[in-house]
N, C-alpha and C. Protein backbone atom coordinates (compact mmCIF):
# COMPACT_ATOMS: atom_id res chain seq x y z
N MET A 1 11.23 -11.96 13.82
CA MET A 1 11.42 -11.23 12.58
C MET A 1 12.89 -11.00 12.28
N ALA A 2 13.73 -11.33 13.21
CA ALA A 2 15.15 -11.02 13.04
C ALA A 2 15.82 -11.98 12.07
N PRO A 3 16.83 -11.49 11.37
CA PRO A 3 17.63 -12.40 10.55
C PRO A 3 18.46 -13.31 11.44
N ALA A 4 18.94 -14.39 10.87
CA ALA A 4 19.83 -15.28 11.61
C ALA A 4 21.06 -14.49 12.06
N LYS A 5 21.66 -14.94 13.14
CA LYS A 5 22.85 -14.26 13.67
C LYS A 5 23.94 -14.25 12.60
N THR A 6 24.51 -13.07 12.39
CA THR A 6 25.56 -12.91 11.39
C THR A 6 26.45 -11.75 11.82
N ARG A 7 27.47 -11.49 11.04
CA ARG A 7 28.33 -10.33 11.29
C ARG A 7 28.22 -9.41 10.09
N GLY A 8 28.19 -8.14 10.38
CA GLY A 8 28.13 -7.15 9.31
C GLY A 8 28.83 -5.89 9.74
N LYS A 9 29.71 -5.39 8.91
CA LYS A 9 30.46 -4.16 9.21
C LYS A 9 31.15 -4.27 10.57
N GLY A 10 31.66 -5.46 10.86
CA GLY A 10 32.42 -5.66 12.09
C GLY A 10 31.60 -5.84 13.35
N LYS A 11 30.30 -5.92 13.23
CA LYS A 11 29.43 -6.09 14.40
C LYS A 11 28.58 -7.34 14.25
N ARG A 12 28.22 -7.93 15.40
CA ARG A 12 27.28 -9.05 15.38
C ARG A 12 25.88 -8.48 15.27
N VAL A 13 25.10 -9.00 14.33
CA VAL A 13 23.73 -8.53 14.14
C VAL A 13 22.79 -9.72 14.05
N GLY A 14 21.53 -9.45 14.30
CA GLY A 14 20.50 -10.46 14.15
C GLY A 14 20.55 -11.51 15.24
N GLY A 15 19.79 -12.54 15.01
CA GLY A 15 19.72 -13.66 15.91
C GLY A 15 18.29 -14.00 16.26
N HIS A 16 17.94 -15.25 16.06
CA HIS A 16 16.60 -15.73 16.43
C HIS A 16 16.59 -16.02 17.92
N LEU A 17 15.44 -15.89 18.53
CA LEU A 17 15.32 -16.22 19.95
C LEU A 17 15.73 -17.67 20.20
N THR A 18 15.40 -18.54 19.26
CA THR A 18 15.73 -19.95 19.43
C THR A 18 17.22 -20.23 19.33
N GLU A 19 18.00 -19.25 18.90
CA GLU A 19 19.46 -19.40 18.86
C GLU A 19 20.08 -19.14 20.23
N THR A 20 19.33 -18.47 21.09
CA THR A 20 19.89 -18.10 22.38
C THR A 20 19.18 -18.74 23.57
N MET A 21 18.01 -19.32 23.33
CA MET A 21 17.27 -19.91 24.44
C MET A 21 16.32 -20.99 23.96
N THR A 22 15.93 -21.84 24.89
CA THR A 22 14.91 -22.84 24.62
C THR A 22 13.58 -22.26 25.08
N LEU A 23 12.65 -22.19 24.17
CA LEU A 23 11.35 -21.61 24.50
C LEU A 23 10.47 -22.63 25.21
N PRO A 24 9.70 -22.19 26.18
CA PRO A 24 8.75 -23.09 26.83
C PRO A 24 7.74 -23.62 25.82
N LYS A 25 7.25 -24.82 26.05
CA LYS A 25 6.31 -25.44 25.11
C LYS A 25 5.04 -24.61 24.93
N ALA A 26 4.64 -23.86 25.95
CA ALA A 26 3.42 -23.06 25.88
C ALA A 26 3.56 -21.82 24.99
N VAL A 27 4.77 -21.50 24.57
CA VAL A 27 5.00 -20.31 23.75
C VAL A 27 4.76 -20.65 22.28
N ARG A 28 3.93 -19.86 21.65
CA ARG A 28 3.71 -19.99 20.20
C ARG A 28 4.73 -19.10 19.52
N TYR A 29 5.62 -19.71 18.76
CA TYR A 29 6.73 -18.99 18.13
C TYR A 29 6.48 -18.94 16.63
N LEU A 30 6.31 -17.73 16.12
CA LEU A 30 6.08 -17.53 14.70
C LEU A 30 7.30 -16.83 14.12
N ALA A 31 7.87 -17.40 13.09
CA ALA A 31 9.06 -16.80 12.48
C ALA A 31 9.09 -17.15 11.00
N PRO A 32 9.47 -16.19 10.16
CA PRO A 32 9.63 -16.51 8.74
C PRO A 32 10.78 -17.49 8.55
N ALA A 33 10.73 -18.24 7.48
CA ALA A 33 11.79 -19.21 7.20
C ALA A 33 13.14 -18.51 7.03
N ARG A 34 13.11 -17.30 6.49
CA ARG A 34 14.36 -16.57 6.25
C ARG A 34 14.07 -15.08 6.31
N VAL A 35 14.98 -14.34 6.89
CA VAL A 35 14.91 -12.89 6.91
C VAL A 35 16.23 -12.36 6.36
N GLU A 36 16.11 -11.44 5.42
CA GLU A 36 17.29 -10.85 4.78
C GLU A 36 17.86 -9.71 5.63
N THR A 37 19.08 -9.32 5.31
CA THR A 37 19.72 -8.16 5.95
C THR A 37 19.93 -7.10 4.85
N PRO A 38 18.88 -6.37 4.51
CA PRO A 38 18.94 -5.48 3.34
C PRO A 38 20.10 -4.51 3.32
N ARG A 39 20.34 -3.77 4.39
CA ARG A 39 21.41 -2.76 4.34
C ARG A 39 22.79 -3.39 4.34
N LEU A 40 22.92 -4.58 4.87
CA LEU A 40 24.23 -5.23 4.91
C LEU A 40 24.56 -6.00 3.63
N SER A 41 23.54 -6.58 3.00
CA SER A 41 23.83 -7.47 1.88
C SER A 41 23.42 -6.94 0.52
N ALA A 42 22.71 -5.83 0.45
CA ALA A 42 22.27 -5.31 -0.84
C ALA A 42 23.46 -4.84 -1.69
N LYS A 43 23.32 -5.02 -2.99
CA LYS A 43 24.35 -4.60 -3.94
C LYS A 43 24.02 -3.27 -4.61
N GLY A 44 22.93 -2.66 -4.18
CA GLY A 44 22.52 -1.37 -4.74
C GLY A 44 21.13 -1.03 -4.23
N ALA A 45 20.62 0.13 -4.65
CA ALA A 45 19.34 0.63 -4.16
C ALA A 45 18.19 -0.31 -4.49
N ASP A 46 18.10 -0.74 -5.75
CA ASP A 46 16.99 -1.61 -6.14
C ASP A 46 17.02 -2.93 -5.37
N ASN A 47 18.21 -3.48 -5.20
CA ASN A 47 18.36 -4.74 -4.47
C ASN A 47 17.96 -4.56 -3.01
N LEU A 48 18.34 -3.43 -2.41
CA LEU A 48 17.98 -3.16 -1.02
C LEU A 48 16.46 -3.10 -0.87
N LEU A 49 15.80 -2.39 -1.77
CA LEU A 49 14.34 -2.28 -1.71
C LEU A 49 13.67 -3.64 -1.92
N THR A 50 14.23 -4.44 -2.79
CA THR A 50 13.69 -5.79 -3.02
C THR A 50 13.82 -6.64 -1.78
N LEU A 51 15.00 -6.62 -1.15
CA LEU A 51 15.21 -7.43 0.06
C LEU A 51 14.30 -6.97 1.20
N ALA A 52 14.11 -5.67 1.34
CA ALA A 52 13.22 -5.16 2.39
C ALA A 52 11.78 -5.62 2.12
N LYS A 53 11.36 -5.63 0.87
CA LYS A 53 10.01 -6.08 0.52
C LYS A 53 9.86 -7.58 0.76
N VAL A 54 10.89 -8.34 0.44
CA VAL A 54 10.86 -9.78 0.71
C VAL A 54 10.62 -10.03 2.19
N ASN A 55 11.31 -9.29 3.04
CA ASN A 55 11.11 -9.43 4.49
C ASN A 55 9.68 -9.08 4.88
N HIS A 56 9.20 -7.95 4.39
CA HIS A 56 7.85 -7.51 4.73
C HIS A 56 6.83 -8.58 4.31
N ASP A 57 7.00 -9.10 3.11
CA ASP A 57 6.06 -10.10 2.59
C ASP A 57 6.14 -11.43 3.34
N ALA A 58 7.28 -11.72 3.93
CA ALA A 58 7.43 -12.96 4.71
C ALA A 58 6.86 -12.79 6.12
N ILE A 59 6.88 -11.58 6.64
CA ILE A 59 6.43 -11.32 8.01
C ILE A 59 4.92 -11.06 8.08
N ALA A 60 4.36 -10.41 7.07
CA ALA A 60 2.93 -10.05 7.08
C ALA A 60 2.01 -11.24 7.36
N PRO A 61 2.21 -12.41 6.74
CA PRO A 61 1.33 -13.55 7.05
C PRO A 61 1.41 -14.00 8.51
N LEU A 62 2.56 -13.82 9.14
CA LEU A 62 2.69 -14.18 10.55
C LEU A 62 1.89 -13.22 11.43
N LEU A 63 1.89 -11.96 11.08
CA LEU A 63 1.08 -10.99 11.82
C LEU A 63 -0.40 -11.29 11.60
N GLN A 64 -0.77 -11.66 10.39
CA GLN A 64 -2.16 -12.04 10.12
C GLN A 64 -2.55 -13.28 10.93
N GLN A 65 -1.63 -14.20 11.05
CA GLN A 65 -1.87 -15.41 11.85
C GLN A 65 -2.08 -15.04 13.32
N PHE A 66 -1.27 -14.13 13.83
CA PHE A 66 -1.46 -13.66 15.20
C PHE A 66 -2.82 -13.00 15.35
N LEU A 67 -3.18 -12.15 14.41
CA LEU A 67 -4.45 -11.43 14.49
C LEU A 67 -5.65 -12.38 14.42
N ALA A 68 -5.50 -13.47 13.69
CA ALA A 68 -6.58 -14.46 13.60
C ALA A 68 -6.77 -15.20 14.92
N GLU A 69 -5.71 -15.32 15.67
CA GLU A 69 -5.75 -16.01 16.97
C GLU A 69 -4.78 -15.32 17.93
N PRO A 70 -5.17 -14.14 18.40
CA PRO A 70 -4.26 -13.37 19.24
C PRO A 70 -4.03 -14.02 20.60
N SER A 71 -2.86 -13.77 21.13
CA SER A 71 -2.54 -14.21 22.49
C SER A 71 -2.45 -12.95 23.35
N PRO A 72 -2.52 -13.10 24.67
CA PRO A 72 -2.47 -11.92 25.52
C PRO A 72 -1.13 -11.18 25.44
N ILE A 73 -0.05 -11.91 25.17
CA ILE A 73 1.29 -11.31 25.12
C ILE A 73 1.88 -11.52 23.73
N LEU A 74 2.41 -10.45 23.19
CA LEU A 74 3.09 -10.52 21.89
C LEU A 74 4.48 -9.94 22.08
N PHE A 75 5.48 -10.74 21.75
CA PHE A 75 6.86 -10.28 21.77
C PHE A 75 7.38 -10.33 20.34
N VAL A 76 7.93 -9.23 19.88
CA VAL A 76 8.47 -9.17 18.52
C VAL A 76 9.96 -8.90 18.60
N ASN A 77 10.73 -9.83 18.07
CA ASN A 77 12.17 -9.71 18.02
C ASN A 77 12.56 -9.02 16.71
N ASP A 78 13.05 -7.81 16.80
CA ASP A 78 13.49 -6.98 15.67
C ASP A 78 12.33 -6.43 14.86
N VAL A 79 11.49 -5.66 15.52
CA VAL A 79 10.34 -5.03 14.88
C VAL A 79 10.77 -4.09 13.76
N SER A 80 11.96 -3.52 13.87
CA SER A 80 12.41 -2.53 12.89
C SER A 80 12.54 -3.11 11.48
N ILE A 81 12.81 -4.39 11.36
CA ILE A 81 12.98 -4.99 10.03
C ILE A 81 11.67 -4.92 9.24
N TYR A 82 10.56 -5.02 9.95
CA TYR A 82 9.24 -4.94 9.31
C TYR A 82 8.95 -3.52 8.83
N PHE A 83 9.52 -2.55 9.51
CA PHE A 83 9.27 -1.16 9.17
C PHE A 83 10.04 -0.69 7.94
N GLN A 84 10.90 -1.50 7.38
CA GLN A 84 11.72 -1.07 6.25
C GLN A 84 10.97 -1.03 4.92
N SER A 85 9.79 -1.66 4.85
CA SER A 85 9.06 -1.72 3.60
C SER A 85 7.57 -1.96 3.88
N GLY A 86 6.74 -1.54 2.96
CA GLY A 86 5.31 -1.84 3.03
C GLY A 86 4.58 -1.10 4.14
N ALA A 87 3.28 -1.34 4.18
CA ALA A 87 2.43 -0.69 5.18
C ALA A 87 2.67 -1.31 6.55
N PRO A 88 2.79 -0.48 7.58
CA PRO A 88 3.03 -1.00 8.93
C PRO A 88 1.75 -1.37 9.68
N ASP A 89 0.60 -1.25 9.01
CA ASP A 89 -0.70 -1.38 9.67
C ASP A 89 -0.89 -2.69 10.43
N LEU A 90 -0.48 -3.81 9.86
CA LEU A 90 -0.67 -5.10 10.54
C LEU A 90 0.05 -5.14 11.87
N LEU A 91 1.23 -4.58 11.91
CA LEU A 91 1.99 -4.57 13.17
C LEU A 91 1.27 -3.72 14.21
N PHE A 92 0.82 -2.54 13.82
CA PHE A 92 0.13 -1.67 14.77
C PHE A 92 -1.19 -2.29 15.22
N GLU A 93 -1.87 -3.00 14.34
CA GLU A 93 -3.09 -3.69 14.73
C GLU A 93 -2.77 -4.81 15.73
N ALA A 94 -1.71 -5.54 15.49
CA ALA A 94 -1.31 -6.61 16.42
C ALA A 94 -0.95 -6.03 17.79
N VAL A 95 -0.28 -4.89 17.80
CA VAL A 95 0.07 -4.22 19.05
C VAL A 95 -1.21 -3.90 19.84
N GLU A 96 -2.21 -3.40 19.14
CA GLU A 96 -3.48 -3.04 19.79
C GLU A 96 -4.22 -4.27 20.32
N ARG A 97 -4.10 -5.40 19.64
CA ARG A 97 -4.83 -6.62 20.03
C ARG A 97 -4.19 -7.33 21.22
N ALA A 98 -2.91 -7.16 21.40
CA ALA A 98 -2.22 -7.81 22.53
C ALA A 98 -2.45 -6.99 23.80
N GLU A 99 -2.61 -7.69 24.91
CA GLU A 99 -2.71 -6.99 26.19
C GLU A 99 -1.35 -6.44 26.60
N THR A 100 -0.32 -7.22 26.32
CA THR A 100 1.06 -6.82 26.61
C THR A 100 1.87 -6.98 25.34
N PHE A 101 2.60 -5.95 25.00
CA PHE A 101 3.43 -5.97 23.81
C PHE A 101 4.86 -5.62 24.21
N VAL A 102 5.80 -6.46 23.82
CA VAL A 102 7.21 -6.23 24.08
C VAL A 102 7.93 -6.40 22.74
N ALA A 103 8.81 -5.47 22.43
CA ALA A 103 9.54 -5.58 21.17
C ALA A 103 10.93 -4.99 21.33
N ASN A 104 11.81 -5.43 20.46
CA ASN A 104 13.10 -4.79 20.33
C ASN A 104 13.27 -4.45 18.86
N GLY A 105 14.16 -3.54 18.58
CA GLY A 105 14.38 -3.17 17.20
C GLY A 105 15.60 -2.28 17.09
N TYR A 106 16.10 -2.16 15.89
CA TYR A 106 17.29 -1.36 15.63
C TYR A 106 16.91 0.12 15.62
N TYR A 107 17.69 0.93 16.34
CA TYR A 107 17.43 2.36 16.40
C TYR A 107 18.75 3.14 16.34
N GLY A 108 19.74 2.54 15.77
CA GLY A 108 21.05 3.18 15.71
C GLY A 108 21.28 3.89 14.39
N ARG A 109 22.52 4.29 14.19
CA ARG A 109 22.91 4.95 12.94
C ARG A 109 24.07 4.22 12.26
N TYR A 110 24.62 3.22 12.90
CA TYR A 110 25.77 2.50 12.37
C TYR A 110 25.46 1.85 11.02
N PHE A 111 24.25 1.31 10.90
CA PHE A 111 23.85 0.63 9.66
C PHE A 111 22.91 1.51 8.83
N ALA A 112 23.05 2.82 8.90
CA ALA A 112 22.12 3.73 8.25
C ALA A 112 22.30 3.82 6.73
N PHE A 113 23.46 3.43 6.19
CA PHE A 113 23.67 3.56 4.75
C PHE A 113 22.65 2.70 4.00
N ASP A 114 21.85 3.35 3.16
CA ASP A 114 20.79 2.62 2.45
C ASP A 114 20.71 2.99 0.96
N TYR A 115 21.82 3.39 0.38
CA TYR A 115 21.89 3.75 -1.03
C TYR A 115 20.91 4.87 -1.40
N GLY A 116 20.57 5.71 -0.44
CA GLY A 116 19.66 6.82 -0.73
C GLY A 116 18.21 6.41 -0.91
N THR A 117 17.84 5.22 -0.47
CA THR A 117 16.47 4.73 -0.67
C THR A 117 15.48 5.32 0.32
N GLY A 118 15.95 5.83 1.43
CA GLY A 118 15.05 6.33 2.47
C GLY A 118 14.60 5.26 3.45
N VAL A 119 15.08 4.04 3.28
CA VAL A 119 14.69 2.93 4.15
C VAL A 119 15.06 3.21 5.61
N SER A 120 16.25 3.72 5.84
CA SER A 120 16.70 3.98 7.21
C SER A 120 15.87 5.08 7.86
N LYS A 121 15.57 6.13 7.12
CA LYS A 121 14.75 7.22 7.66
C LYS A 121 13.35 6.72 7.99
N ARG A 122 12.76 5.96 7.09
CA ARG A 122 11.42 5.39 7.29
C ARG A 122 11.40 4.49 8.52
N GLU A 123 12.41 3.62 8.62
CA GLU A 123 12.50 2.70 9.75
C GLU A 123 12.54 3.48 11.07
N ARG A 124 13.38 4.51 11.11
CA ARG A 124 13.53 5.30 12.34
C ARG A 124 12.22 6.04 12.68
N GLU A 125 11.57 6.61 11.67
CA GLU A 125 10.31 7.33 11.91
C GLU A 125 9.23 6.38 12.44
N LEU A 126 9.16 5.17 11.91
CA LEU A 126 8.17 4.21 12.38
C LEU A 126 8.53 3.68 13.76
N MET A 127 9.82 3.56 14.05
CA MET A 127 10.22 3.19 15.42
C MET A 127 9.81 4.29 16.39
N ASP A 128 9.96 5.55 15.99
CA ASP A 128 9.53 6.66 16.83
C ASP A 128 8.01 6.63 17.04
N LEU A 129 7.26 6.35 15.98
CA LEU A 129 5.81 6.27 16.09
C LEU A 129 5.40 5.14 17.04
N LEU A 130 6.04 4.00 16.88
CA LEU A 130 5.75 2.87 17.77
C LEU A 130 6.07 3.25 19.22
N ALA A 131 7.22 3.85 19.44
CA ALA A 131 7.62 4.25 20.79
C ALA A 131 6.62 5.22 21.40
N SER A 132 6.06 6.09 20.57
CA SER A 132 5.10 7.08 21.08
C SER A 132 3.81 6.43 21.57
N LYS A 133 3.55 5.20 21.15
CA LYS A 133 2.34 4.48 21.55
C LYS A 133 2.57 3.57 22.76
N MET A 134 3.81 3.48 23.22
CA MET A 134 4.15 2.56 24.29
C MET A 134 4.07 3.22 25.66
N ASP A 135 3.77 2.42 26.68
CA ASP A 135 3.78 2.90 28.06
C ASP A 135 5.20 3.07 28.57
N LYS A 136 6.10 2.20 28.12
CA LYS A 136 7.49 2.22 28.60
C LYS A 136 8.41 1.92 27.43
N VAL A 137 9.44 2.73 27.28
CA VAL A 137 10.44 2.53 26.24
C VAL A 137 11.80 2.53 26.90
N ILE A 138 12.59 1.53 26.58
CA ILE A 138 13.96 1.46 27.07
C ILE A 138 14.87 1.60 25.86
N ASN A 139 15.62 2.67 25.83
CA ASN A 139 16.52 2.93 24.71
C ASN A 139 17.93 2.52 25.12
N LEU A 140 18.42 1.46 24.55
CA LEU A 140 19.78 0.99 24.83
C LEU A 140 20.69 1.68 23.83
N SER A 141 21.49 2.63 24.29
CA SER A 141 22.33 3.37 23.38
C SER A 141 23.35 2.48 22.71
N GLU A 142 23.57 2.77 21.46
CA GLU A 142 24.51 2.01 20.65
C GLU A 142 25.87 2.67 20.75
N ARG A 143 26.86 1.86 20.99
CA ARG A 143 28.25 2.37 21.02
C ARG A 143 28.85 2.13 19.66
N GLU A 144 29.17 3.21 18.98
CA GLU A 144 29.70 3.07 17.62
C GLU A 144 31.16 3.42 17.59
């Protein structure tokens, strides 16, 4: 779910798993063709909300695909991007269907500016909700 590796506000952000490693052939890799960076690239509130919705709409069919044919292990790279818009239900359903769920996501404040849209607050609240459902959470503190 992560955007392609890029730089924003002086930091490296994003990155597909396939940019950093070769996946074993047995791994089913589902990824949208493109993921936007709403808080970094938006030109205003409406644009930010549009970009977040574009991401949600691109990711939802992949979650539906997983749910149609679940695997025992589900790894989600940048779960927080999905939480920026739309209903989070498909993600939570996928979490329940997998025997093992591993995810990473943004939980910092460095990229919190969202033109007053509430996207950052929503993302953080849903990350907290997801964390509350997990057996183990590793919080890697962000150095700002």
